[in-house]
C-alpha atoms as a PDB file:
ATOM      1  CA  UNK A   1      -0.799  20.665  38.305  1.00  0.00           C
ATOM      2  CA  UNK A   2       2.291  19.826  40.353  1.00  0.00           C
ATOM      3  CA  UNK A   3       4.310  18.205  37.491  1.00  0.00           C
ATOM      4  CA  UNK A   4       7.151  17.400  39.817  1.00  0.00           C
ATOM      5  CA  UNK A   5       4.999  15.587  42.195  1.00  0.00           C
ATOM      6  CA  UNK A   6       3.329  13.746  39.294  1.00  0.00           C
ATOM      7  CA  UNK A   7       6.694  12.654  37.920  1.00  0.00           C
ATOM      8  CA  UNK A   8       7.818  11.324  41.305  1.00  0.00           C
ATOM      9  CA  UNK A   9       4.588   9.423  41.899  1.00  0.00           C
ATOM     10  CA  UNK A  10       4.777   7.951  38.276  1.00  0.00           C
ATOM     11  CA  UNK A  11       8.215   6.434  38.769  1.00  0.00           C
ATOM     12  CA  UNK A  12       7.619   5.347  42.417  1.00  0.00           C
ATOM     13  CA  UNK A  13       4.532   3.426  41.204  1.00  0.00           C
ATOM     14  CA  UNK A  14       6.782   1.521  38.780  1.00  0.00           C
ATOM     15  CA  UNK A  15       9.361   0.651  41.334  1.00  0.00           C
ATOM     16  CA  UNK A  16      11.977   3.148  40.311  1.00  0.00           C
ATOM     17  CA  UNK A  17      13.813   5.942  42.026  1.00  0.00           C
ATOM     18  CA  UNK A  18      12.398   9.085  40.481  1.00  0.00           C
ATOM     19  CA  UNK A  19      15.604  11.003  41.429  1.00  0.00           C
ATOM     20  CA  UNK A  20      17.598   9.031  38.952  1.00  0.00           C
ATOM     21  CA  UNK A  21      15.142   9.928  36.099  1.00  0.00           C
ATOM     22  CA  UNK A  22      15.299  13.648  37.184  1.00  0.00           C
ATOM     23  CA  UNK A  23      18.990  13.669  37.216  1.00  0.00           C
ATOM     24  CA  UNK A  24      19.051  12.104  33.733  1.00  0.00           C
ATOM     25  CA  UNK A  25      16.748  14.829  32.552  1.00  0.00           C
ATOM     26  CA  UNK A  26      19.289  17.415  33.849  1.00  0.00           C
ATOM     27  CA  UNK A  27      22.129  15.896  31.825  1.00  0.00           C
ATOM     28  CA  UNK A  28      20.127  15.232  28.662  1.00  0.00           C
ATOM     29  CA  UNK A  29      20.884  17.323  25.495  1.00  0.00           C
ATOM     30  CA  UNK A  30      17.973  19.452  24.089  1.00  0.00           C
ATOM     31  CA  UNK A  31      16.135  17.564  21.452  1.00  0.00           C
ATOM     32  CA  UNK A  32      16.543  19.009  17.939  1.00  0.00           C
ATOM     33  CA  UNK A  33      14.473  18.505  14.874  1.00  0.00           C
ATOM     34  CA  UNK A  34      17.311  16.932  12.788  1.00  0.00           C
ATOM     35  CA  UNK A  35      17.968  14.328  15.527  1.00  0.00           C
ATOM     36  CA  UNK A  36      14.204  13.572  16.111  1.00  0.00           C
ATOM     37  CA  UNK A  37      13.477  13.222  12.377  1.00  0.00           C
ATOM     38  CA  UNK A  38      16.959  11.672  11.627  1.00  0.00           C
ATOM     39  CA  UNK A  39      17.300  13.950   8.709  1.00  0.00           C
ATOM     40  CA  UNK A  40      20.880  12.957   7.935  1.00  0.00           C
ATOM     41  CA  UNK A  41      20.039   9.274   7.973  1.00  0.00           C
ATOM     42  CA  UNK A  42      16.902   9.914   5.754  1.00  0.00           C
ATOM     43  CA  UNK A  43      18.981  11.782   3.254  1.00  0.00           C
ATOM     44  CA  UNK A  44      21.725   9.138   3.164  1.00  0.00           C
ATOM     45  CA  UNK A  45      19.207   6.468   1.842  1.00  0.00           C
ATOM     46  CA  UNK A  46      19.439   7.293  -1.810  1.00  0.00           C
ATOM     47  CA  UNK A  47      21.941   5.142  -3.772  1.00  0.00           C
ATOM     48  CA  UNK A  48      21.548   5.599  -7.483  1.00  0.00           C
ATOM     49  CA  UNK A  49      23.024   2.811  -9.755  1.00  0.00           C
ATOM     50  CA  UNK A  50      23.816   5.310 -12.733  1.00  0.00           C
ATOM     51  CA  UNK A  51      25.076   8.888 -13.046  1.00  0.00           C
ATOM     52  CA  UNK A  52      21.828  10.266 -14.392  1.00  0.00           C
ATOM     53  CA  UNK A  53      20.414  13.040 -12.118  1.00  0.00           C
ATOM     54  CA  UNK A  54      16.873  12.053 -12.560  1.00  0.00           C
ATOM     55  CA  UNK A  55      17.421   8.707 -11.064  1.00  0.00           C
ATOM     56  CA  UNK A  56      17.437  10.383  -7.572  1.00  0.00           C
ATOM     57  CA  UNK A  57      13.933  11.625  -8.319  1.00  0.00           C
ATOM     58  CA  UNK A  58      12.716   8.152  -9.026  1.00  0.00           C
ATOM     59  CA  UNK A  59      14.322   6.734  -5.876  1.00  0.00           C
ATOM     60  CA  UNK A  60      12.932   9.528  -3.565  1.00  0.00           C
ATOM     61  CA  UNK A  61       9.449   9.124  -5.093  1.00  0.00           C
ATOM     62  CA  UNK A  62       9.255   5.481  -4.289  1.00  0.00           C
ATOM     63  CA  UNK A  63      10.636   5.903  -0.905  1.00  0.00           C
ATOM     64  CA  UNK A  64       7.996   8.500  -0.279  1.00  0.00           C
ATOM     65  CA  UNK A  65       5.289   6.150  -1.370  1.00  0.00           C
ATOM     66  CA  UNK A  66       6.395   3.464   0.984  1.00  0.00           C
ATOM     67  CA  UNK A  67       6.305   6.067   3.846  1.00  0.00           C
ATOM     68  CA  UNK A  68       2.654   6.915   2.853  1.00  0.00           C
ATOM     69  CA  UNK A  69       1.724   3.245   2.524  1.00  0.00           C
ATOM     70  CA  UNK A  70       3.127   2.827   6.093  1.00  0.00           C
ATOM     71  CA  UNK A  71       0.964   5.642   7.258  1.00  0.00           C
ATOM     72  CA  UNK A  72      -2.140   4.068   5.569  1.00  0.00           C
ATOM     73  CA  UNK A  73      -1.372   0.666   7.205  1.00  0.00           C
ATOM     74  CA  UNK A  74      -0.909   2.365  10.474  1.00  0.00           C
ATOM     75  CA  UNK A  75      -4.405   3.916  10.422  1.00  0.00           C
ATOM     76  CA  UNK A  76      -5.954   0.760   9.034  1.00  0.00           C
ATOM     77  CA  UNK A  77      -4.547  -1.502  11.732  1.00  0.00           C
ATOM     78  CA  UNK A  78      -5.884   0.928  14.495  1.00  0.00           C
ATOM     79  CA  UNK A  79      -9.334   0.878  12.819  1.00  0.00           C
ATOM     80  CA  UNK A  80      -9.478  -2.975  12.549  1.00  0.00           C
ATOM     81  CA  UNK A  81      -8.056  -3.630  16.052  1.00  0.00           C
ATOM     82  CA  UNK A  82     -10.601  -1.544  17.953  1.00  0.00           C
ATOM     83  CA  UNK A  83     -13.724  -3.514  18.593  1.00  0.00           C
ATOM     84  CA  UNK A  84     -15.772  -0.872  20.090  1.00  0.00           C
ATOM     85  CA  UNK A  85     -15.681   2.828  18.903  1.00  0.00           C
ATOM     86  CA  UNK A  86     -18.031   5.660  18.197  1.00  0.00           C
ATOM     87  CA  UNK A  87     -18.911   6.360  14.595  1.00  0.00           C
ATOM     88  CA  UNK A  88     -17.000   9.613  14.621  1.00  0.00           C
ATOM     89  CA  UNK A  89     -13.754   7.816  15.596  1.00  0.00           C
ATOM     90  CA  UNK A  90     -14.261   5.428  12.615  1.00  0.00           C
ATOM     91  CA  UNK A  91     -15.112   8.151  10.306  1.00  0.00           C
ATOM     92  CA  UNK A  92     -11.930   9.958  11.289  1.00  0.00           C
ATOM     93  CA  UNK A  93      -9.762   7.035  10.757  1.00  0.00           C
ATOM     94  CA  UNK A  94     -11.333   6.370   7.303  1.00  0.00           C
ATOM     95  CA  UNK A  95     -10.859   9.944   6.398  1.00  0.00           C
ATOM     96  CA  UNK A  96      -7.156   9.741   7.226  1.00  0.00           C
ATOM     97  CA  UNK A  97      -6.843   6.493   5.223  1.00  0.00           C
ATOM     98  CA  UNK A  98      -8.475   8.186   2.170  1.00  0.00           C
ATOM     99  CA  UNK A  99      -6.243  11.195   2.485  1.00  0.00           C
ATOM    100  CA  UNK A 100      -3.156   9.004   2.350  1.00  0.00           C
ATOM    101  CA  UNK A 101      -4.577   7.117  -0.630  1.00  0.00           C
ATOM    102  CA  UNK A 102      -5.195  10.350  -2.359  1.00  0.00           C
ATOM    103  CA  UNK A 103      -1.766  11.660  -1.735  1.00  0.00           C
ATOM    104  CA  UNK A 104      -0.370   8.321  -3.124  1.00  0.00           C
ATOM    105  CA  UNK A 105      -2.407   8.941  -6.310  1.00  0.00           C
ATOM    106  CA  UNK A 106      -1.536  12.759  -6.722  1.00  0.00           C
ATOM    107  CA  UNK A 107       2.135  12.256  -6.113  1.00  0.00           C
ATOM    108  CA  UNK A 108       2.506  10.317  -9.397  1.00  0.00           C
ATOM    109  CA  UNK A 109       3.070  13.897 -11.012  1.00  0.00           C
ATOM    110  CA  UNK A 110       6.430  13.510  -9.457  1.00  0.00           C
ATOM    111  CA  UNK A 111       7.085  10.749 -11.902  1.00  0.00           C
ATOM    112  CA  UNK A 112       4.836  11.779 -14.805  1.00  0.00           C
ATOM    113  CA  UNK A 113       6.073  15.533 -15.049  1.00  0.00           C
ATOM    114  CA  UNK A 114       9.383  15.231 -13.078  1.00  0.00           C
ATOM    115  CA  UNK A 115      11.725  13.075 -15.067  1.00  0.00           C
ATOM    116  CA  UNK A 116      13.549  13.472 -18.377  1.00  0.00           C
ATOM    117  CA  UNK A 117      12.302  10.910 -20.929  1.00  0.00           C
ATOM    118  CA  UNK A 118      15.732   9.986 -22.158  1.00  0.00           C
ATOM    119  CA  UNK A 119      17.274   9.820 -18.746  1.00  0.00           C
ATOM    120  CA  UNK A 120      14.565   7.539 -17.447  1.00  0.00           C
ATOM    121  CA  UNK A 121      14.749   5.187 -20.332  1.00  0.00           C
ATOM    122  CA  UNK A 122      18.544   5.008 -19.756  1.00  0.00           C
ATOM    123  CA  UNK A 123      18.779   4.480 -16.047  1.00  0.00           C
ATOM    124  CA  UNK A 124      15.850   2.050 -16.013  1.00  0.00           C
ATOM    125  CA  UNK A 125      17.766  -0.433 -17.788  1.00  0.00           C
ATOM    126  CA  UNK A 126      20.070  -0.710 -14.773  1.00  0.00           C
ATOM    127  CA  UNK A 127      17.183  -1.489 -12.341  1.00  0.00           C
ATOM    128  CA  UNK A 128      15.772  -4.753 -13.772  1.00  0.00           C
ATOM    129  CA  UNK A 129      14.258  -6.872 -12.381  1.00  0.00           C
ATOM    130  CA  UNK A 130      13.283  -4.416  -9.621  1.00  0.00           C
ATOM    131  CA  UNK A 131       9.811  -3.186  -9.940  1.00  0.00           C
ATOM    132  CA  UNK A 132       7.142  -1.197  -7.911  1.00  0.00           C
ATOM    133  CA  UNK A 133       5.184  -4.486  -8.209  1.00  0.00           C
ATOM    134  CA  UNK A 134       7.512  -5.685  -5.471  1.00  0.00           C
ATOM    135  CA  UNK A 135       6.034  -3.415  -2.796  1.00  0.00           C
ATOM    136  CA  UNK A 136       4.949  -5.684   0.012  1.00  0.00           C
ATOM    137  CA  UNK A 137       3.149  -2.863   1.797  1.00  0.00           C
ATOM    138  CA  UNK A 138       0.894  -2.406  -1.355  1.00  0.00           C
ATOM    139  CA  UNK A 139       0.006  -5.995  -0.959  1.00  0.00           C
ATOM    140  CA  UNK A 140      -0.622  -5.766   2.792  1.00  0.00           C
ATOM    141  CA  UNK A 141      -3.042  -2.918   2.290  1.00  0.00           C
ATOM    142  CA  UNK A 142      -5.058  -5.229  -0.079  1.00  0.00           C
ATOM    143  CA  UNK A 143      -5.062  -8.053   2.361  1.00  0.00           C
ATOM    144  CA  UNK A 144      -6.202  -5.899   5.169  1.00  0.00           C
ATOM    145  CA  UNK A 145      -8.894  -4.192   3.159  1.00  0.00           C
ATOM    146  CA  UNK A 146     -10.822  -7.182   1.594  1.00  0.00           C
ATOM    147  CA  UNK A 147     -11.233 -11.048   1.775  1.00  0.00           C
ATOM    148  CA  UNK A 148      -8.814 -13.071  -0.226  1.00  0.00           C
ATOM    149  CA  UNK A 149     -11.576 -14.103  -2.586  1.00  0.00           C
ATOM    150  CA  UNK A 150     -11.825 -10.497  -3.886  1.00  0.00           C
ATOM    151  CA  UNK A 151      -8.057 -10.429  -4.790  1.00  0.00           C
ATOM    152  CA  UNK A 152      -8.247 -13.576  -6.919  1.00  0.00           C
ATOM    153  CA  UNK A 153      -7.643 -13.197 -10.685  1.00  0.00           C
ATOM    154  CA  UNK A 154     -11.118 -12.998 -12.485  1.00  0.00           C
ATOM    155  CA  UNK A 155     -10.632 -16.529 -14.134  1.00  0.00           C
ATOM    156  CA  UNK A 156     -10.501 -18.104 -10.654  1.00  0.00           C
ATOM    157  CA  UNK A 157     -13.811 -16.640  -9.660  1.00  0.00           C
ATOM    158  CA  UNK A 158     -15.781 -18.489 -12.364  1.00  0.00           C
ATOM    159  CA  UNK A 159     -16.403 -22.100 -13.363  1.00  0.00           C
ATOM    160  CA  UNK A 160     -16.562 -23.620  -9.995  1.00  0.00           C
ATOM    161  CA  UNK A 161     -12.740 -23.195  -9.294  1.00  0.00           C
ATOM    162  CA  UNK A 162     -12.186 -24.415  -5.731  1.00  0.00           C
ATOM    163  CA  UNK A 163      -9.787 -22.344  -3.672  1.00  0.00           C
ATOM    164  CA  UNK A 164      -9.289 -23.310  -0.007  1.00  0.00           C
ATOM    165  CA  UNK A 165      -5.802 -23.078   1.467  1.00  0.00           C
ATOM    166  CA  UNK A 166      -4.222 -19.734   2.204  1.00  0.00           C
ATOM    167  CA  UNK A 167      -1.320 -20.548  -0.106  1.00  0.00           C
ATOM    168  CA  UNK A 168      -3.795 -21.562  -2.854  1.00  0.00           C
ATOM    169  CA  UNK A 169      -5.357 -18.124  -2.546  1.00  0.00           C
ATOM    170  CA  UNK A 170      -1.819 -16.532  -2.695  1.00  0.00           C
ATOM    171  CA  UNK A 171      -0.889 -18.371  -5.792  1.00  0.00           C
ATOM    172  CA  UNK A 172      -4.041 -17.224  -7.573  1.00  0.00           C
ATOM    173  CA  UNK A 173      -4.012 -13.581  -6.683  1.00  0.00           C
ATOM    174  CA  UNK A 174      -4.691 -11.249  -9.593  1.00  0.00           C
ATOM    175  CA  UNK A 175      -1.224  -9.678  -9.607  1.00  0.00           C
ATOM    176  CA  UNK A 176       0.793 -12.785  -9.913  1.00  0.00           C
ATOM    177  CA  UNK A 177      -0.003 -13.193 -13.509  1.00  0.00           C
ATOM    178  CA  UNK A 178       2.121 -10.020 -14.174  1.00  0.00           C
ATOM    179  CA  UNK A 179       5.132 -11.810 -12.831  1.00  0.00           C
ATOM    180  CA  UNK A 180       4.532 -15.046 -14.574  1.00  0.00           C
ATOM    181  CA  UNK A 181       6.292 -16.045 -17.871  1.00  0.00           C
ATOM    182  CA  UNK A 182       3.417 -16.481 -20.301  1.00  0.00           C
ATOM    183  CA  UNK A 183       5.592 -19.057 -22.298  1.00  0.00           C
ATOM    184  CA  UNK A 184       6.268 -21.437 -19.369  1.00  0.00           C
ATOM    185  CA  UNK A 185       3.542 -20.550 -16.821  1.00  0.00           C
ATOM    186  CA  UNK A 186       6.347 -20.211 -14.232  1.00  0.00           C
ATOM    187  CA  UNK A 187       7.202 -17.279 -12.058  1.00  0.00           C
ATOM    188  CA  UNK A 188       9.695 -14.875 -13.698  1.00  0.00           C
ATOM    189  CA  UNK A 189      12.721 -13.569 -11.847  1.00  0.00           C
ATOM    190  CA  UNK A 190      10.941 -10.561 -10.473  1.00  0.00           C
ATOM    191  CA  UNK A 191       8.174 -12.692  -8.837  1.00  0.00           C
ATOM    192  CA  UNK A 192      10.683 -15.274  -7.629  1.00  0.00           C
ATOM    193  CA  UNK A 193      12.570 -12.756  -5.828  1.00  0.00           C
ATOM    194  CA  UNK A 194       9.502 -11.178  -4.420  1.00  0.00           C
ATOM    195  CA  UNK A 195       8.275 -14.506  -3.081  1.00  0.00           C
ATOM    196  CA  UNK A 196      11.767 -15.348  -1.648  1.00  0.00           C
ATOM    197  CA  UNK A 197      11.579 -12.125   0.433  1.00  0.00           C
ATOM    198  CA  UNK A 198       7.921 -11.705   1.244  1.00  0.00           C
ATOM    199  CA  UNK A 199       5.842 -14.785   0.593  1.00  0.00           C
ATOM    200  CA  UNK A 200       5.980 -16.170   4.139  1.00  0.00           C
ATOM    201  CA  UNK A 201       5.317 -12.733   5.664  1.00  0.00           C
ATOM    202  CA  UNK A 202       2.268 -12.132   3.326  1.00  0.00           C
ATOM    203  CA  UNK A 203       0.876 -15.618   4.020  1.00  0.00           C
ATOM    204  CA  UNK A 204       1.021 -14.803   7.769  1.00  0.00           C
ATOM    205  CA  UNK A 205      -0.629 -11.503   7.067  1.00  0.00           C
ATOM    206  CA  UNK A 206      -3.378 -13.469   5.195  1.00  0.00           C
ATOM    207  CA  UNK A 207      -4.005 -15.791   7.988  1.00  0.00           C
ATOM    208  CA  UNK A 208      -4.047 -13.097  10.609  1.00  0.00           C
ATOM    209  CA  UNK A 209      -6.609 -10.978   8.836  1.00  0.00           C
ATOM    210  CA  UNK A 210      -9.006 -13.144   6.985  1.00  0.00           C
ATOM    211  CA  UNK A 211     -12.447 -12.748   8.541  1.00  0.00           C
ATOM    212  CA  UNK A 212     -11.428  -9.462  10.060  1.00  0.00           C
ATOM    213  CA  UNK A 213     -10.796  -7.358   6.986  1.00  0.00           C
ATOM    214  CA  UNK A 214     -12.199  -3.815   6.551  1.00  0.00           C
ATOM    215  CA  UNK A 215     -14.736  -5.106   4.161  1.00  0.00           C
ATOM    216  CA  UNK A 216     -16.061  -7.735   6.551  1.00  0.00           C
ATOM    217  CA  UNK A 217     -15.913  -5.102   9.448  1.00  0.00           C
ATOM    218  CA  UNK A 218     -17.904  -2.853   7.379  1.00  0.00           C
ATOM    219  CA  UNK A 219     -20.507  -5.440   6.596  1.00  0.00           C
ATOM    220  CA  UNK A 220     -20.755  -6.239  10.272  1.00  0.00           C
ATOM    221  CA  UNK A 221     -21.228  -2.443  11.015  1.00  0.00           C
ATOM    222  CA  UNK A 222     -23.859  -2.228   8.348  1.00  0.00           C
ATOM    223  CA  UNK A 223     -25.886  -5.181   9.806  1.00  0.00           C
ATOM    224  CA  UNK A 224     -25.524  -3.528  13.337  1.00  0.00           C
ATOM    225  CA  UNK A 225     -26.803  -0.219  12.054  1.00  0.00           C
ATOM    226  CA  UNK A 226     -23.464   1.401  12.753  1.00  0.00           C
ATOM    227  CA  UNK A 227     -22.268   2.044   9.146  1.00  0.00           C
ATOM    228  CA  UNK A 228     -22.988   5.842   8.759  1.00  0.00           C
ATOM    229  CA  UNK A 229     -23.349   7.650   5.397  1.00  0.00           C
ATOM    230  CA  UNK A 230     -19.979   9.271   5.946  1.00  0.00           C
ATOM    231  CA  UNK A 231     -18.376   5.840   6.471  1.00  0.00           C
ATOM    232  CA  UNK A 232     -20.018   4.450   3.235  1.00  0.00           C
ATOM    233  CA  UNK A 233     -18.838   7.511   1.308  1.00  0.00           C
ATOM    234  CA  UNK A 234     -15.245   7.079   2.536  1.00  0.00           C
ATOM    235  CA  UNK A 235     -15.134   3.296   1.842  1.00  0.00           C
ATOM    236  CA  UNK A 236     -16.284   3.994  -1.732  1.00  0.00           C
ATOM    237  CA  UNK A 237     -13.740   6.781  -1.976  1.00  0.00           C
ATOM    238  CA  UNK A 238     -10.990   4.474  -0.819  1.00  0.00           C
ATOM    239  CA  UNK A 239     -12.001   1.789  -3.325  1.00  0.00           C
ATOM    240  CA  UNK A 240     -12.152   4.298  -6.181  1.00  0.00           C
ATOM    241  CA  UNK A 241      -8.753   5.899  -5.292  1.00  0.00           C
ATOM    242  CA  UNK A 242      -6.768   2.855  -4.518  1.00  0.00           C
ATOM    243  CA  UNK A 243      -8.246   0.491  -7.145  1.00  0.00           C
ATOM    244  CA  UNK A 244      -9.283   2.671 -10.062  1.00  0.00           C
ATOM    245  CA  UNK A 245      -7.655   6.223  -9.951  1.00  0.00           C
ATOM    246  CA  UNK A 246      -4.125   5.135  -8.832  1.00  0.00           C
ATOM    247  CA  UNK A 247      -3.700   2.255 -11.254  1.00  0.00           C
ATOM    248  CA  UNK A 248      -5.104   4.493 -14.148  1.00  0.00           C
ATOM    249  CA  UNK A 249      -2.607   7.256 -13.089  1.00  0.00           C
ATOM    250  CA  UNK A 250       0.162   4.668 -13.010  1.00  0.00           C
ATOM    251  CA  UNK A 251      -0.793   3.496 -16.511  1.00  0.00           C
ATOM    252  CA  UNK A 252      -0.774   6.867 -17.929  1.00  0.00           C
ATOM    253  CA  UNK A 253       2.755   7.385 -16.524  1.00  0.00           C
ATOM    254  CA  UNK A 254       3.943   3.994 -17.982  1.00  0.00           C
ATOM    255  CA  UNK A 255       2.368   5.030 -21.399  1.00  0.00           C
ATOM    256  CA  UNK A 256       4.428   8.304 -21.333  1.00  0.00           C
ATOM    257  CA  UNK A 257       7.756   6.564 -20.860  1.00  0.00           C
ATOM    258  CA  UNK A 258       7.137   3.159 -22.282  1.00  0.00           C
ATOM    259  CA  UNK A 259       5.015   3.797 -25.340  1.00  0.00           C
ATOM    260  CA  UNK A 260       6.434   6.966 -26.839  1.00  0.00           C
ATOM    261  CA  UNK A 261       5.792   7.562 -30.496  1.00  0.00           C
ATOM    262  CA  UNK A 262       4.494   4.085 -31.211  1.00  0.00           C
ATOM    263  CA  UNK A 263       7.510   2.338 -29.551  1.00  0.00           C
ATOM    264  CA  UNK A 264       6.430   0.018 -26.699  1.00  0.00           C
ATOM    265  CA  UNK A 265       9.045  -0.880 -24.209  1.00  0.00           C
ATOM    266  CA  UNK A 266       9.219  -3.691 -21.735  1.00  0.00           C
ATOM    267  CA  UNK A 267       8.849  -2.839 -17.982  1.00  0.00           C
ATOM    268  CA  UNK A 268      11.845  -3.426 -15.641  1.00  0.00           C
ATOM    269  CA  UNK A 269      10.062  -6.286 -14.105  1.00  0.00           C
ATOM    270  CA  UNK A 270       9.162  -7.635 -17.585  1.00  0.00           C
ATOM    271  CA  UNK A 271       5.369  -7.669 -16.771  1.00  0.00           C
ATOM    272  CA  UNK A 272       2.691  -7.123 -19.387  1.00  0.00           C
ATOM    273  CA  UNK A 273       2.149  -3.698 -17.920  1.00  0.00           C
ATOM    274  CA  UNK A 274      -0.874  -2.582 -19.915  1.00  0.00           C
ATOM    275  CA  UNK A 275      -3.005  -5.536 -18.890  1.00  0.00           C
ATOM    276  CA  UNK A 276      -1.731  -5.626 -15.345  1.00  0.00           C
ATOM    277  CA  UNK A 277      -2.176  -1.813 -14.566  1.00  0.00           C
ATOM    278  CA  UNK A 278      -5.717  -1.337 -16.155  1.00  0.00           C
ATOM    279  CA  UNK A 279      -8.196  -1.588 -13.399  1.00  0.00           C
ATOM    280  CA  UNK A 280     -10.814  -3.112 -15.840  1.00  0.00           C
ATOM    281  CA  UNK A 281      -8.569  -5.916 -16.194  1.00  0.00           C
ATOM    282  CA  UNK A 282      -7.512  -6.328 -12.472  1.00  0.00           C
ATOM    283  CA  UNK A 283     -11.230  -5.885 -11.380  1.00  0.00           C
ATOM    284  CA  UNK A 284     -10.117  -5.495  -7.847  1.00  0.00           C
ATOM    285  CA  UNK A 285     -12.871  -4.239  -5.599  1.00  0.00           C
ATOM    286  CA  UNK A 286     -12.357  -3.936  -1.873  1.00  0.00           C
ATOM    287  CA  UNK A 287     -16.027  -3.436  -0.879  1.00  0.00           C
ATOM    288  CA  UNK A 288     -18.253  -5.116  -3.499  1.00  0.00           C
ATOM    289  CA  UNK A 289     -21.410  -4.860  -1.320  1.00  0.00           C
ATOM    290  CA  UNK A 290     -21.226  -1.031  -1.614  1.00  0.00           C
ATOM    291  CA  UNK A 291     -21.417  -1.006  -5.406  1.00  0.00           C
ATOM    292  CA  UNK A 292     -24.266  -1.628  -7.786  1.00  0.00           C
ATOM    293  CA  UNK A 293     -24.061  -4.410 -10.338  1.00  0.00           C
ATOM    294  CA  UNK A 294     -23.723  -1.852 -13.061  1.00  0.00           C
ATOM    295  CA  UNK A 295     -20.886  -0.039 -11.273  1.00  0.00           C
ATOM    296  CA  UNK A 296     -19.085  -3.310 -10.817  1.00  0.00           C
ATOM    297  CA  UNK A 297     -19.541  -4.317 -14.449  1.00  0.00           C
ATOM    298  CA  UNK A 298     -18.070  -0.896 -15.663  1.00  0.00           C
ATOM    299  CA  UNK A 299     -15.273  -0.983 -13.024  1.00  0.00           C
ATOM    300  CA  UNK A 300     -12.312   0.983 -14.343  1.00  0.00           C
ATOM    301  CA  UNK A 301     -13.819   1.780 -17.649  1.00  0.00           C
ATOM    302  CA  UNK A 302     -13.381   5.619 -17.627  1.00  0.00           C
END
């Protein structure tokens, strides 16, 4: 292939002088790994609030979590935005999504086995009210995966409770209870700060994707005869990893640091962390139509 000819034709078709671009290529510096990945910038983003060495472990872990959540969303959006695709392409995207979810779950070892108990319980007091609860990307994954109804707190799914407007759904999502002061019924500081930063954005995400979530797409594929056994397996795997295994791993880590030798500590976000984290309480299921009544009844009880 005559690459020089192809380059000239490419820029000429765009109305540009190809010689300018070729001249610029001559003067450009070679690309290096550190410039492309921006290593120095990446390594400058850790700003501990105390002098305890293990606080850096805590920060880097959560930054890595946000990067993998971003990759998961990147694949999820591609899958949802492509109207026509062969089954193999969809299977590949679901496999990538499950791989990232599995990494998110397995990396909790960095927290569970990689921090000194005394250091953690000292530096964590300087972090309140910040909490992993405040990850907007975590909430975006939920919104893109399943209809808003499936994210409601269980008490709003029974007794004929009417939920109509997007903001009404948002205010009744299962996770908001963890940020609400049980004495007053009002949002606590952690939740107020989260809403101030992300409520508008999450409501827009909710409006954009309702009716087009992965669950609804999968139901459509099933009716069209396009939901392959591999896709079913991967959707169930994602549901299990994201909504059962990861919360349980998080709960086990919290128990190690917050419930040591009979002493139960409050989380930095002041949430009732045992009830919030246990999947049997959350009862969050992305793809209910893929699980039997018995499986849904015993959700998270492992």
